[in-house]
C-alpha cells in the first residue's frame, strides 16, 4: 500500500552535513556552513545534522565501518568521531541562508531537560523564521547516557514527556506540566518558536515499533526511517493515521540514497545511488537525503556536486 501524496514536480533533496570527515576536519565547521550555503544556491531543500553529546567505548564496540564514508551506526564508529553541536551549527547556517530548511536530526532529547531543549529549539526556529525540523530520538549509546547521569532504561518515557511538555511550552504562557519525571508549574517561555506550536517534528528509526508509530501519529510532520520500511509497516502507518483522523499526505516521507562502495577506499557511484528515486517517489516519498563524502573527496567540490545532483534528479523525474 502506498500512502497517497500531493503530486510534486520534483523531490526535495537534503544534504547530510554530518559524518563527512573524509572531506574536512572536525574543527573546520566554517566549511560545513559554506557547504550549506552552496547547497541552497544549487536548489537543495534542506541540510541535516545529527548529534551525540559525548561518545564512550561502546561507540566502536561492533567494530569500525569498512569504508569511512559509510554512515555511523550503533557501535561501528571511532569514539574520536567529531560530533559538533547541531543546534549551534544550524544557527550559524540559518544566519547565512534564507530558504534552506534546517534538519536537527537525532536530537537525543532525554539527555537534556525539556525546558532547556524547548528554549534552544524554539529560539532556532524563530531565528530561522520557521525553517527548523527536529527529529527527537532516544539514540543507542549506554555510555553516553551514563556519562550524563541519565538512566538508559527510562529513555523512551523521558522522550514522551519531552514531547508532552514541548507541546505546552510552545503554546500560550504560562505552562504547567506534571509528568512522572519532569514537572513545572506556571512557566513562561518567551519568545515562542516562529511556527505556532513549535518546530516541524520528524520521527524515525529502525523498524516501525509501537512507540514510534504512536509518536508519529500524535506529533509527526514527517517520517524519516532507517532504510525503507516494509509494505506491511507502511500499511499500519496509514491505518493509524486514518484512525486518528489524519490524512496520510500530511506526513512528509523521507528516504535515503544508498551508496554502494566498490571497495574499502573508494567513493560510490552517484548515478547508481540516485537511480531508484523515481520508484521511491511512486511509493510516496518526497524527500531524499544524500551524504556528499560518499561520492566525492574534494571539499571545494560541493557546489558542483549539489548542482550535479539536482540536474540528475530533475532528469530522472521529468
C-alpha atoms as a PDB file:
ATOM      1  CA  UNK A   1       0.000   0.000   0.000  1.00  0.00           C
ATOM      2  CA  UNK A   2       1.275   3.456  -0.951  1.00  0.00           C
ATOM      3  CA  UNK A   3       0.495   6.490   1.148  1.00  0.00           C
ATOM      4  CA  UNK A   4      -1.249   8.984  -1.180  1.00  0.00           C
ATOM      5  CA  UNK A   5       0.681  12.179  -1.797  1.00  0.00           C
ATOM      6  CA  UNK A   6       0.052  15.505  -3.413  1.00  0.00           C
ATOM      7  CA  UNK A   7       1.885  15.405  -6.736  1.00  0.00           C
ATOM      8  CA  UNK A   8       5.117  17.376  -6.655  1.00  0.00           C
ATOM      9  CA  UNK A   9       7.191  18.364  -9.706  1.00  0.00           C
ATOM     10  CA  UNK A  10      10.447  17.105  -8.216  1.00  0.00           C
ATOM     11  CA  UNK A  11      11.632  15.543  -4.972  1.00  0.00           C
ATOM     12  CA  UNK A  12      13.155  17.640  -2.231  1.00  0.00           C
ATOM     13  CA  UNK A  13      16.860  16.953  -1.748  1.00  0.00           C
ATOM     14  CA  UNK A  14      18.551  17.097   1.656  1.00  0.00           C
ATOM     15  CA  UNK A  15      22.324  17.411   2.047  1.00  0.00           C
ATOM     16  CA  UNK A  16      23.699  15.474   5.020  1.00  0.00           C
ATOM     17  CA  UNK A  17      26.383  17.598   6.699  1.00  0.00           C
ATOM     18  CA  UNK A  18      27.258  15.128   9.473  1.00  0.00           C
ATOM     19  CA  UNK A  19      29.936  12.449   9.113  1.00  0.00           C
ATOM     20  CA  UNK A  20      31.806  13.945   6.160  1.00  0.00           C
ATOM     21  CA  UNK A  21      35.178  13.693   7.873  1.00  0.00           C
ATOM     22  CA  UNK A  22      36.917  12.160   4.849  1.00  0.00           C
ATOM     23  CA  UNK A  23      36.468  15.602   3.260  1.00  0.00           C
ATOM     24  CA  UNK A  24      37.094  18.019   6.122  1.00  0.00           C
ATOM     25  CA  UNK A  25      38.287  18.107   9.720  1.00  0.00           C
ATOM     26  CA  UNK A  26      36.132  18.176  12.821  1.00  0.00           C
ATOM     27  CA  UNK A  27      37.387  21.628  13.805  1.00  0.00           C
ATOM     28  CA  UNK A  28      36.664  23.214  10.421  1.00  0.00           C
ATOM     29  CA  UNK A  29      32.993  23.978  10.988  1.00  0.00           C
ATOM     30  CA  UNK A  30      33.001  27.038   8.741  1.00  0.00           C
ATOM     31  CA  UNK A  31      33.385  24.668   5.795  1.00  0.00           C
ATOM     32  CA  UNK A  32      30.093  22.979   6.714  1.00  0.00           C
ATOM     33  CA  UNK A  33      28.413  26.394   6.856  1.00  0.00           C
ATOM     34  CA  UNK A  34      29.776  27.162   3.378  1.00  0.00           C
ATOM     35  CA  UNK A  35      28.511  23.830   2.067  1.00  0.00           C
ATOM     36  CA  UNK A  36      25.038  24.629   3.348  1.00  0.00           C
ATOM     37  CA  UNK A  37      25.008  27.956   1.531  1.00  0.00           C
ATOM     38  CA  UNK A  38      26.221  26.250  -1.648  1.00  0.00           C
ATOM     39  CA  UNK A  39      23.500  23.608  -1.302  1.00  0.00           C
ATOM     40  CA  UNK A  40      20.855  26.315  -1.066  1.00  0.00           C
ATOM     41  CA  UNK A  41      22.243  28.070  -4.140  1.00  0.00           C
ATOM     42  CA  UNK A  42      22.132  24.785  -6.082  1.00  0.00           C
ATOM     43  CA  UNK A  43      18.461  24.190  -5.274  1.00  0.00           C
ATOM     44  CA  UNK A  44      18.625  21.793  -2.326  1.00  0.00           C
ATOM     45  CA  UNK A  45      15.635  21.955   0.002  1.00  0.00           C
ATOM     46  CA  UNK A  46      17.419  21.270   3.300  1.00  0.00           C
ATOM     47  CA  UNK A  47      20.537  20.271   5.178  1.00  0.00           C
ATOM     48  CA  UNK A  48      20.745  17.761   8.005  1.00  0.00           C
ATOM     49  CA  UNK A  49      22.947  17.435  11.083  1.00  0.00           C
ATOM     50  CA  UNK A  50      22.861  14.584  13.593  1.00  0.00           C
ATOM     51  CA  UNK A  51      24.287  14.649  17.100  1.00  0.00           C
ATOM     52  CA  UNK A  52      25.926  12.979  20.016  1.00  0.00           C
ATOM     53  CA  UNK A  53      26.842  14.954  23.112  1.00  0.00           C
ATOM     54  CA  UNK A  54      29.702  12.598  24.005  1.00  0.00           C
ATOM     55  CA  UNK A  55      30.883   9.165  22.922  1.00  0.00           C
ATOM     56  CA  UNK A  56      32.257   6.303  25.006  1.00  0.00           C
ATOM     57  CA  UNK A  57      33.908   2.958  24.239  1.00  0.00           C
ATOM     58  CA  UNK A  58      30.613   1.425  23.106  1.00  0.00           C
ATOM     59  CA  UNK A  59      30.708   3.695  20.045  1.00  0.00           C
ATOM     60  CA  UNK A  60      33.093   1.207  18.446  1.00  0.00           C
ATOM     61  CA  UNK A  61      32.044  -1.988  20.207  1.00  0.00           C
ATOM     62  CA  UNK A  62      30.792  -3.619  16.990  1.00  0.00           C
ATOM     63  CA  UNK A  63      33.931  -2.775  15.038  1.00  0.00           C
ATOM     64  CA  UNK A  64      34.627   0.107  12.684  1.00  0.00           C
ATOM     65  CA  UNK A  65      32.797   0.706   9.422  1.00  0.00           C
ATOM     66  CA  UNK A  66      34.541  -0.915   6.454  1.00  0.00           C
ATOM     67  CA  UNK A  67      34.665   2.279   4.393  1.00  0.00           C
ATOM     68  CA  UNK A  68      34.991   5.540   6.380  1.00  0.00           C
ATOM     69  CA  UNK A  69      32.404   7.117   4.080  1.00  0.00           C
ATOM     70  CA  UNK A  70      29.636   4.848   5.384  1.00  0.00           C
ATOM     71  CA  UNK A  71      27.030   6.141   7.803  1.00  0.00           C
ATOM     72  CA  UNK A  72      27.770   5.810  11.505  1.00  0.00           C
ATOM     73  CA  UNK A  73      25.511   3.164  13.007  1.00  0.00           C
ATOM     74  CA  UNK A  74      25.236   1.971  16.615  1.00  0.00           C
ATOM     75  CA  UNK A  75      28.604   0.649  17.712  1.00  0.00           C
ATOM     76  CA  UNK A  76      30.500   0.977  14.403  1.00  0.00           C
ATOM     77  CA  UNK A  77      32.451   4.244  14.778  1.00  0.00           C
ATOM     78  CA  UNK A  78      35.670   5.529  16.314  1.00  0.00           C
ATOM     79  CA  UNK A  79      34.881   7.193  19.671  1.00  0.00           C
ATOM     80  CA  UNK A  80      37.068  10.109  18.481  1.00  0.00           C
ATOM     81  CA  UNK A  81      34.488  10.878  15.758  1.00  0.00           C
ATOM     82  CA  UNK A  82      33.610  14.601  15.889  1.00  0.00           C
ATOM     83  CA  UNK A  83      30.006  15.473  16.736  1.00  0.00           C
ATOM     84  CA  UNK A  84      29.701  19.282  16.969  1.00  0.00           C
ATOM     85  CA  UNK A  85      26.526  20.745  18.443  1.00  0.00           C
ATOM     86  CA  UNK A  86      23.883  20.574  15.740  1.00  0.00           C
ATOM     87  CA  UNK A  87      21.797  23.365  17.312  1.00  0.00           C
ATOM     88  CA  UNK A  88      24.746  25.782  17.408  1.00  0.00           C
ATOM     89  CA  UNK A  89      25.941  24.847  13.910  1.00  0.00           C
ATOM     90  CA  UNK A  90      22.450  25.139  12.421  1.00  0.00           C
ATOM     91  CA  UNK A  91      22.167  28.602  13.985  1.00  0.00           C
ATOM     92  CA  UNK A  92      25.243  29.665  12.024  1.00  0.00           C
ATOM     93  CA  UNK A  93      23.735  28.154   8.870  1.00  0.00           C
ATOM     94  CA  UNK A  94      20.439  29.947   9.491  1.00  0.00           C
ATOM     95  CA  UNK A  95      22.303  33.262   9.528  1.00  0.00           C
ATOM     96  CA  UNK A  96      23.760  32.805   6.016  1.00  0.00           C
ATOM     97  CA  UNK A  97      20.757  31.203   4.269  1.00  0.00           C
ATOM     98  CA  UNK A  98      17.215  32.347   3.569  1.00  0.00           C
ATOM     99  CA  UNK A  99      15.262  29.395   2.167  1.00  0.00           C
ATOM    100  CA  UNK A 100      17.090  26.236   3.233  1.00  0.00           C
ATOM    101  CA  UNK A 101      15.297  24.077   5.800  1.00  0.00           C
ATOM    102  CA  UNK A 102      17.436  23.066   8.778  1.00  0.00           C
ATOM    103  CA  UNK A 103      17.050  19.482   9.993  1.00  0.00           C
ATOM    104  CA  UNK A 104      18.318  18.786  13.510  1.00  0.00           C
ATOM    105  CA  UNK A 105      18.194  15.027  13.178  1.00  0.00           C
ATOM    106  CA  UNK A 106      18.680  12.597  16.022  1.00  0.00           C
ATOM    107  CA  UNK A 107      18.326  15.156  18.808  1.00  0.00           C
ATOM    108  CA  UNK A 108      18.834  12.931  21.861  1.00  0.00           C
ATOM    109  CA  UNK A 109      16.117  14.596  23.905  1.00  0.00           C
ATOM    110  CA  UNK A 110      16.352  12.535  27.140  1.00  0.00           C
ATOM    111  CA  UNK A 111      19.905  13.800  27.721  1.00  0.00           C
ATOM    112  CA  UNK A 112      18.580  17.329  28.441  1.00  0.00           C
ATOM    113  CA  UNK A 113      15.738  18.837  30.414  1.00  0.00           C
ATOM    114  CA  UNK A 114      12.672  19.611  28.263  1.00  0.00           C
ATOM    115  CA  UNK A 115      12.686  23.264  29.364  1.00  0.00           C
ATOM    116  CA  UNK A 116      16.236  23.696  28.077  1.00  0.00           C
ATOM    117  CA  UNK A 117      15.550  21.984  24.758  1.00  0.00           C
ATOM    118  CA  UNK A 118      12.279  23.861  24.260  1.00  0.00           C
ATOM    119  CA  UNK A 119      14.212  27.102  24.744  1.00  0.00           C
ATOM    120  CA  UNK A 120      17.054  26.187  22.356  1.00  0.00           C
ATOM    121  CA  UNK A 121      14.903  24.687  19.608  1.00  0.00           C
ATOM    122  CA  UNK A 122      12.271  27.402  19.824  1.00  0.00           C
ATOM    123  CA  UNK A 123      14.932  30.092  19.546  1.00  0.00           C
ATOM    124  CA  UNK A 124      16.476  28.459  16.483  1.00  0.00           C
ATOM    125  CA  UNK A 125      13.052  28.123  14.873  1.00  0.00           C
ATOM    126  CA  UNK A 126      12.438  31.825  15.490  1.00  0.00           C
ATOM    127  CA  UNK A 127      15.879  32.822  14.215  1.00  0.00           C
ATOM    128  CA  UNK A 128      15.360  30.825  11.007  1.00  0.00           C
ATOM    129  CA  UNK A 129      11.762  32.043  10.598  1.00  0.00           C
ATOM    130  CA  UNK A 130      10.229  28.594  10.791  1.00  0.00           C
ATOM    131  CA  UNK A 131      12.809  26.608   8.830  1.00  0.00           C
ATOM    132  CA  UNK A 132      13.740  24.228  11.645  1.00  0.00           C
ATOM    133  CA  UNK A 133      12.978  20.495  11.518  1.00  0.00           C
ATOM    134  CA  UNK A 134      13.605  18.487  14.690  1.00  0.00           C
ATOM    135  CA  UNK A 135      13.885  14.702  14.819  1.00  0.00           C
ATOM    136  CA  UNK A 136      13.852  13.824  18.533  1.00  0.00           C
ATOM    137  CA  UNK A 137      15.106  10.371  19.433  1.00  0.00           C
ATOM    138  CA  UNK A 138      16.398   8.223  22.297  1.00  0.00           C
ATOM    139  CA  UNK A 139      19.561   7.062  20.473  1.00  0.00           C
ATOM    140  CA  UNK A 140      21.506   3.937  21.439  1.00  0.00           C
ATOM    141  CA  UNK A 141      24.685   4.586  23.466  1.00  0.00           C
ATOM    142  CA  UNK A 142      24.563   3.420  27.073  1.00  0.00           C
ATOM    143  CA  UNK A 143      27.936   5.088  27.657  1.00  0.00           C
ATOM    144  CA  UNK A 144      26.533   8.452  26.586  1.00  0.00           C
ATOM    145  CA  UNK A 145      23.599   8.140  28.984  1.00  0.00           C
ATOM    146  CA  UNK A 146      25.874   7.036  31.828  1.00  0.00           C
ATOM    147  CA  UNK A 147      28.239   9.967  31.270  1.00  0.00           C
ATOM    148  CA  UNK A 148      25.350  12.417  31.591  1.00  0.00           C
ATOM    149  CA  UNK A 149      23.780  10.640  34.555  1.00  0.00           C
ATOM    150  CA  UNK A 150      20.535   9.741  32.758  1.00  0.00           C
ATOM    151  CA  UNK A 151      19.038   6.235  33.236  1.00  0.00           C
ATOM    152  CA  UNK A 152      19.185   4.473  29.880  1.00  0.00           C
ATOM    153  CA  UNK A 153      16.171   2.317  30.744  1.00  0.00           C
ATOM    154  CA  UNK A 154      13.946   5.411  31.051  1.00  0.00           C
ATOM    155  CA  UNK A 155      14.855   6.920  27.684  1.00  0.00           C
ATOM    156  CA  UNK A 156      11.514   6.203  25.982  1.00  0.00           C
ATOM    157  CA  UNK A 157       9.438   7.567  28.851  1.00  0.00           C
ATOM    158  CA  UNK A 158      11.651  10.645  29.058  1.00  0.00           C
ATOM    159  CA  UNK A 159      11.205  11.341  25.339  1.00  0.00           C
ATOM    160  CA  UNK A 160       7.428  11.050  25.662  1.00  0.00           C
ATOM    161  CA  UNK A 161       7.443  13.595  28.483  1.00  0.00           C
ATOM    162  CA  UNK A 162       9.597  15.940  26.390  1.00  0.00           C
ATOM    163  CA  UNK A 163       7.019  15.828  23.622  1.00  0.00           C
ATOM    164  CA  UNK A 164       4.141  16.438  26.029  1.00  0.00           C
ATOM    165  CA  UNK A 165       5.999  19.313  27.664  1.00  0.00           C
ATOM    166  CA  UNK A 166       7.071  20.958  24.411  1.00  0.00           C
ATOM    167  CA  UNK A 167       3.508  20.951  23.161  1.00  0.00           C
ATOM    168  CA  UNK A 168       2.507  23.046  26.173  1.00  0.00           C
ATOM    169  CA  UNK A 169       5.601  25.265  26.267  1.00  0.00           C
ATOM    170  CA  UNK A 170       5.333  26.332  22.623  1.00  0.00           C
ATOM    171  CA  UNK A 171       1.731  27.444  23.085  1.00  0.00           C
ATOM    172  CA  UNK A 172       0.482  30.211  25.371  1.00  0.00           C
ATOM    173  CA  UNK A 173       2.310  31.082  28.602  1.00  0.00           C
ATOM    174  CA  UNK A 174       2.213  30.179  31.410  1.00  0.00           C
ATOM    175  CA  UNK A 175       2.598  26.415  31.027  1.00  0.00           C
ATOM    176  CA  UNK A 176       2.142  23.731  33.677  1.00  0.00           C
ATOM    177  CA  UNK A 177       3.143  20.092  33.309  1.00  0.00           C
ATOM    178  CA  UNK A 178       3.036  17.201  35.781  1.00  0.00           C
ATOM    179  CA  UNK A 179       4.854  14.160  34.489  1.00  0.00           C
ATOM    180  CA  UNK A 180       6.468  11.235  36.218  1.00  0.00           C
ATOM    181  CA  UNK A 181       9.990  12.534  35.577  1.00  0.00           C
ATOM    182  CA  UNK A 182       9.596  16.228  34.683  1.00  0.00           C
ATOM    183  CA  UNK A 183       7.404  18.803  36.388  1.00  0.00           C
ATOM    184  CA  UNK A 184       6.986  22.540  36.036  1.00  0.00           C
ATOM    185  CA  UNK A 185       4.297  24.997  37.025  1.00  0.00           C
ATOM    186  CA  UNK A 186       3.317  28.426  35.698  1.00  0.00           C
ATOM    187  CA  UNK A 187       6.373  28.632  33.434  1.00  0.00           C
ATOM    188  CA  UNK A 188       6.763  31.492  30.971  1.00  0.00           C
ATOM    189  CA  UNK A 189       8.896  30.532  27.982  1.00  0.00           C
ATOM    190  CA  UNK A 190       9.310  33.578  25.740  1.00  0.00           C
ATOM    191  CA  UNK A 191       9.804  34.294  22.934  1.00  0.00           C
ATOM    192  CA  UNK A 192       7.883  31.467  21.336  1.00  0.00           C
ATOM    193  CA  UNK A 193       9.029  29.486  18.317  1.00  0.00           C
ATOM    194  CA  UNK A 194       8.300  31.033  14.921  1.00  0.00           C
ATOM    195  CA  UNK A 195       5.804  28.355  13.926  1.00  0.00           C
ATOM    196  CA  UNK A 196       2.636  28.135  16.017  1.00  0.00           C
ATOM    197  CA  UNK A 197       3.037  25.008  18.121  1.00  0.00           C
ATOM    198  CA  UNK A 198       6.797  24.837  17.631  1.00  0.00           C
ATOM    199  CA  UNK A 199       9.237  23.468  15.035  1.00  0.00           C
ATOM    200  CA  UNK A 200       8.361  20.830  12.467  1.00  0.00           C
ATOM    201  CA  UNK A 201       8.803  17.371  14.034  1.00  0.00           C
ATOM    202  CA  UNK A 202      10.038  14.298  12.191  1.00  0.00           C
ATOM    203  CA  UNK A 203      10.430  10.845  13.684  1.00  0.00           C
ATOM    204  CA  UNK A 204      12.460   7.879  12.510  1.00  0.00           C
ATOM    205  CA  UNK A 205      14.409   4.808  13.456  1.00  0.00           C
ATOM    206  CA  UNK A 206      14.939   1.179  12.632  1.00  0.00           C
ATOM    207  CA  UNK A 207      11.554  -0.516  12.398  1.00  0.00           C
ATOM    208  CA  UNK A 208       8.113   0.936  12.994  1.00  0.00           C
ATOM    209  CA  UNK A 209       7.829  -0.156  16.626  1.00  0.00           C
ATOM    210  CA  UNK A 210       4.698   0.780  18.633  1.00  0.00           C
ATOM    211  CA  UNK A 211       6.246   3.799  20.391  1.00  0.00           C
ATOM    212  CA  UNK A 212       7.482   5.256  17.093  1.00  0.00           C
ATOM    213  CA  UNK A 213       4.104   4.702  15.471  1.00  0.00           C
ATOM    214  CA  UNK A 214       2.348   6.407  18.392  1.00  0.00           C
ATOM    215  CA  UNK A 215       4.672   9.443  18.297  1.00  0.00           C
ATOM    216  CA  UNK A 216       4.390   9.749  14.532  1.00  0.00           C
ATOM    217  CA  UNK A 217       0.612   9.776  14.601  1.00  0.00           C
ATOM    218  CA  UNK A 218       0.352  12.131  17.578  1.00  0.00           C
ATOM    219  CA  UNK A 219       3.083  14.670  16.806  1.00  0.00           C
ATOM    220  CA  UNK A 220       4.728  13.893  13.479  1.00  0.00           C
ATOM    221  CA  UNK A 221       5.014  16.074  10.414  1.00  0.00           C
ATOM    222  CA  UNK A 222       7.471  13.698   8.764  1.00  0.00           C
ATOM    223  CA  UNK A 223       8.743  10.101   8.817  1.00  0.00           C
ATOM    224  CA  UNK A 224      12.468   9.547   8.277  1.00  0.00           C
ATOM    225  CA  UNK A 225      13.085   5.800   8.768  1.00  0.00           C
ATOM    226  CA  UNK A 226      16.393   3.966   8.677  1.00  0.00           C
ATOM    227  CA  UNK A 227      16.150   2.331   5.275  1.00  0.00           C
ATOM    228  CA  UNK A 228      12.779   1.717   3.633  1.00  0.00           C
ATOM    229  CA  UNK A 229      10.061   0.095   5.781  1.00  0.00           C
ATOM    230  CA  UNK A 230       8.257  -2.961   4.500  1.00  0.00           C
ATOM    231  CA  UNK A 231       4.843  -2.636   2.914  1.00  0.00           C
ATOM    232  CA  UNK A 232       3.117  -4.039   5.988  1.00  0.00           C
ATOM    233  CA  UNK A 233       4.672  -1.349   8.180  1.00  0.00           C
ATOM    234  CA  UNK A 234       3.531   1.383   5.795  1.00  0.00           C
ATOM    235  CA  UNK A 235       0.028  -0.076   5.806  1.00  0.00           C
ATOM    236  CA  UNK A 236      -0.009   0.031   9.614  1.00  0.00           C
ATOM    237  CA  UNK A 237       1.120   3.654   9.497  1.00  0.00           C
ATOM    238  CA  UNK A 238      -1.586   4.589   7.000  1.00  0.00           C
ATOM    239  CA  UNK A 239      -4.253   2.827   9.056  1.00  0.00           C
ATOM    240  CA  UNK A 240      -3.108   4.502  12.285  1.00  0.00           C
ATOM    241  CA  UNK A 241      -3.129   7.950  10.692  1.00  0.00           C
ATOM    242  CA  UNK A 242      -6.611   7.390   9.309  1.00  0.00           C
ATOM    243  CA  UNK A 243      -7.871   6.166  12.685  1.00  0.00           C
ATOM    244  CA  UNK A 244      -6.557   9.387  14.240  1.00  0.00           C
ATOM    245  CA  UNK A 245      -8.388  11.497  11.674  1.00  0.00           C
ATOM    246  CA  UNK A 246      -5.221  12.493   9.842  1.00  0.00           C
ATOM    247  CA  UNK A 247      -4.620  12.447   6.115  1.00  0.00           C
ATOM    248  CA  UNK A 248      -1.598  10.319   5.158  1.00  0.00           C
ATOM    249  CA  UNK A 249      -0.500  13.113   2.804  1.00  0.00           C
ATOM    250  CA  UNK A 250       0.142  15.300   5.875  1.00  0.00           C
ATOM    251  CA  UNK A 251       3.251  13.233   6.633  1.00  0.00           C
ATOM    252  CA  UNK A 252       6.426  14.042   4.698  1.00  0.00           C
ATOM    253  CA  UNK A 253       8.133  10.768   3.768  1.00  0.00           C
ATOM    254  CA  UNK A 254      11.920  10.963   3.805  1.00  0.00           C
ATOM    255  CA  UNK A 255      14.111   8.410   2.070  1.00  0.00           C
ATOM    256  CA  UNK A 256      17.820   7.872   1.737  1.00  0.00           C
ATOM    257  CA  UNK A 257      20.172   7.273  -1.155  1.00  0.00           C
ATOM    258  CA  UNK A 258      22.108   4.023  -0.834  1.00  0.00           C
ATOM    259  CA  UNK A 259      25.785   4.249  -1.676  1.00  0.00           C
ATOM    260  CA  UNK A 260      27.410   1.058  -2.978  1.00  0.00           C
ATOM    261  CA  UNK A 261      31.165   1.185  -2.467  1.00  0.00           C
ATOM    262  CA  UNK A 262      33.369  -0.805  -4.841  1.00  0.00           C
ATOM    263  CA  UNK A 263      35.958  -1.339  -2.102  1.00  0.00           C
ATOM    264  CA  UNK A 264      37.011  -0.020   1.313  1.00  0.00           C
ATOM    265  CA  UNK A 265      38.855   3.027  -0.093  1.00  0.00           C
ATOM    266  CA  UNK A 266      36.780   4.388  -2.955  1.00  0.00           C
ATOM    267  CA  UNK A 267      33.734   6.601  -3.375  1.00  0.00           C
ATOM    268  CA  UNK A 268      30.414   5.237  -4.596  1.00  0.00           C
ATOM    269  CA  UNK A 269      28.780   5.888  -7.961  1.00  0.00           C
ATOM    270  CA  UNK A 270      26.318   8.789  -7.757  1.00  0.00           C
ATOM    271  CA  UNK A 271      24.124   7.690 -10.650  1.00  0.00           C
ATOM    272  CA  UNK A 272      23.564   4.276  -9.094  1.00  0.00           C
ATOM    273  CA  UNK A 273      22.583   5.870  -5.772  1.00  0.00           C
ATOM    274  CA  UNK A 274      20.020   8.169  -7.381  1.00  0.00           C
ATOM    275  CA  UNK A 275      18.548   5.629  -9.791  1.00  0.00           C
ATOM    276  CA  UNK A 276      15.739   4.356  -7.550  1.00  0.00           C
ATOM    277  CA  UNK A 277      14.350   7.810  -6.671  1.00  0.00           C
ATOM    278  CA  UNK A 278      11.502   7.575  -9.241  1.00  0.00           C
ATOM    279  CA  UNK A 279      10.432   4.222  -7.788  1.00  0.00           C
ATOM    280  CA  UNK A 280      10.542   5.636  -4.259  1.00  0.00           C
ATOM    281  CA  UNK A 281       8.532   8.674  -5.338  1.00  0.00           C
ATOM    282  CA  UNK A 282       5.892   6.344  -6.747  1.00  0.00           C
ATOM    283  CA  UNK A 283       5.703   4.790  -3.274  1.00  0.00           C
ATOM    284  CA  UNK A 284       5.023   8.215  -1.753  1.00  0.00           C
ATOM    285  CA  UNK A 285       8.470   9.514  -0.780  1.00  0.00           C
ATOM    286  CA  UNK A 286       9.026  13.210  -1.415  1.00  0.00           C
ATOM    287  CA  UNK A 287      12.372  13.984   0.255  1.00  0.00           C
ATOM    288  CA  UNK A 288      15.737  12.262  -0.193  1.00  0.00           C
ATOM    289  CA  UNK A 289      18.953  12.538   1.854  1.00  0.00           C
ATOM    290  CA  UNK A 290      22.420  12.352   0.353  1.00  0.00           C
ATOM    291  CA  UNK A 291      25.840  12.488   2.054  1.00  0.00           C
ATOM    292  CA  UNK A 292      28.441  14.070  -0.242  1.00  0.00           C
ATOM    293  CA  UNK A 293      31.528  12.307   1.142  1.00  0.00           C
ATOM    294  CA  UNK A 294      30.108   9.020  -0.102  1.00  0.00           C
ATOM    295  CA  UNK A 295      30.546  10.254  -3.682  1.00  0.00           C
ATOM    296  CA  UNK A 296      33.346  12.864  -3.756  1.00  0.00           C
ATOM    297  CA  UNK A 297      36.546  13.656  -1.859  1.00  0.00           C
ATOM    298  CA  UNK A 298      37.045  17.320  -2.785  1.00  0.00           C
ATOM    299  CA  UNK A 299      35.896  19.733  -0.036  1.00  0.00           C
ATOM    300  CA  UNK A 300      35.820  22.501  -2.637  1.00  0.00           C
ATOM    301  CA  UNK A 301      33.559  20.487  -4.941  1.00  0.00           C
ATOM    302  CA  UNK A 302      30.295  20.689  -3.001  1.00  0.00           C
ATOM    303  CA  UNK A 303      28.739  23.432  -5.152  1.00  0.00           C
ATOM    304  CA  UNK A 304      29.338  21.429  -8.322  1.00  0.00           C
ATOM    305  CA  UNK A 305      28.256  18.203  -6.621  1.00  0.00           C
ATOM    306  CA  UNK A 306      24.946  19.739  -5.494  1.00  0.00           C
ATOM    307  CA  UNK A 307      24.248  21.143  -8.946  1.00  0.00           C
ATOM    308  CA  UNK A 308      25.017  17.733 -10.446  1.00  0.00           C
ATOM    309  CA  UNK A 309      22.615  16.016  -8.030  1.00  0.00           C
ATOM    310  CA  UNK A 310      19.802  18.437  -8.838  1.00  0.00           C
ATOM    311  CA  UNK A 311      20.436  18.102 -12.581  1.00  0.00           C
ATOM    312  CA  UNK A 312      20.407  14.295 -12.426  1.00  0.00           C
ATOM    313  CA  UNK A 313      17.306  14.129 -10.230  1.00  0.00           C
ATOM    314  CA  UNK A 314      15.421  16.503 -12.494  1.00  0.00           C
ATOM    315  CA  UNK A 315      16.302  14.325 -15.472  1.00  0.00           C
ATOM    316  CA  UNK A 316      15.196  11.168 -13.657  1.00  0.00           C
ATOM    317  CA  UNK A 317      11.860  12.627 -12.567  1.00  0.00           C
ATOM    318  CA  UNK A 318      10.954  14.770 -15.580  1.00  0.00           C
END
